[in-house]
Amino acid sequence: MSLQWTDVTEIAIELDERHPDVDPTAVNFVNLMKWVMELPEFDDVKEHCGEKILEAIQAAWIEERD
């Protein structure tokens, strides 16, 4: 399965598994984008991402952590 920027919940789950010691509320968008693009299952282009998508991923990650 490949992940796209719109797979917000799945991305959040992957990030939570890969970065268990990170507080998702403290992640800046530069690092968040980098970490998403480093996921092995991720298969989308940087240009398809915007601030709203990163906000949604961060919110889903926070929710996943709770």
Protein backbone atom coordinates (compact mmCIF):
# COMPACT_ATOMS: atom_id res chain seq x y z
CA MET A 1 0.00 0.00 0.00
CA SER A 2 1.33 3.41 -0.86
CA LEU A 3 0.53 6.55 1.09
CA GLN A 4 -0.46 9.89 -0.40
CA TRP A 5 -0.67 13.27 1.34
CA THR A 6 -4.43 12.77 1.72
CA ASP A 7 -3.95 9.59 3.80
CA VAL A 8 -3.80 11.73 6.93
CA THR A 9 -4.78 9.12 9.53
CA GLU A 10 -2.53 6.40 8.12
CA ILE A 11 0.40 8.83 7.98
CA ALA A 12 -0.24 9.87 11.60
CA ILE A 13 -0.20 6.22 12.72
CA GLU A 14 3.09 5.60 10.88
CA LEU A 15 4.66 8.74 12.36
CA ASP A 16 3.56 7.75 15.85
CA GLU A 17 5.15 4.33 15.44
CA ARG A 18 8.40 5.71 14.01
CA HIS A 19 8.80 8.67 16.38
CA PRO A 20 7.41 7.50 19.75
CA ASP A 21 9.56 9.94 21.74
CA VAL A 22 8.44 13.02 19.79
CA ASP A 23 5.73 15.36 21.06
CA PRO A 24 3.57 15.92 17.95
CA THR A 25 2.45 19.32 19.27
CA ALA A 26 6.05 20.53 19.11
CA VAL A 27 6.92 19.38 15.58
CA ASN A 28 7.52 22.13 13.05
CA PHE A 29 6.13 21.74 9.55
CA VAL A 30 9.56 21.48 7.93
CA ASN A 31 10.40 18.38 9.97
CA LEU A 32 6.88 17.01 9.64
CA MET A 33 7.04 17.17 5.84
CA LYS A 34 10.51 15.60 5.85
CA TRP A 35 9.43 12.73 8.11
CA VAL A 36 6.32 12.03 6.03
CA MET A 37 8.36 11.93 2.83
CA GLU A 38 10.84 9.52 4.48
CA LEU A 39 8.13 6.95 5.24
CA PRO A 40 8.85 3.83 3.14
CA GLU A 41 5.22 3.54 2.05
CA PHE A 42 4.95 7.20 1.07
CA ASP A 43 4.58 7.79 -2.66
CA ASP A 44 3.56 11.34 -3.48
CA VAL A 45 5.27 14.56 -4.53
CA LYS A 46 6.23 17.44 -2.28
CA GLU A 47 4.27 19.90 -4.43
CA HIS A 48 0.97 18.20 -3.51
CA CYS A 49 1.46 19.18 0.13
CA GLY A 50 0.37 22.42 1.75
CA GLU A 51 -0.02 23.91 5.19
CA LYS A 52 -3.60 22.61 5.57
CA ILE A 53 -2.48 19.02 4.91
CA LEU A 54 0.39 19.32 7.40
CA GLU A 55 -2.01 20.75 9.99
CA ALA A 56 -4.36 17.81 9.41
CA ILE A 57 -1.52 15.29 9.75
CA GLN A 58 -0.31 16.96 12.95
CA ALA A 59 -3.86 17.01 14.40
CA ALA A 60 -4.35 13.33 13.53
CA TRP A 61 -1.00 12.47 15.13
CA ILE A 62 -1.99 14.32 18.31
CA GLU A 63 -5.32 12.46 18.32
CA GLU A 64 -3.54 9.14 17.73
CA ARG A 65 -1.29 9.83 20.72
CA ASP A 66 -4.26 10.56 23.02
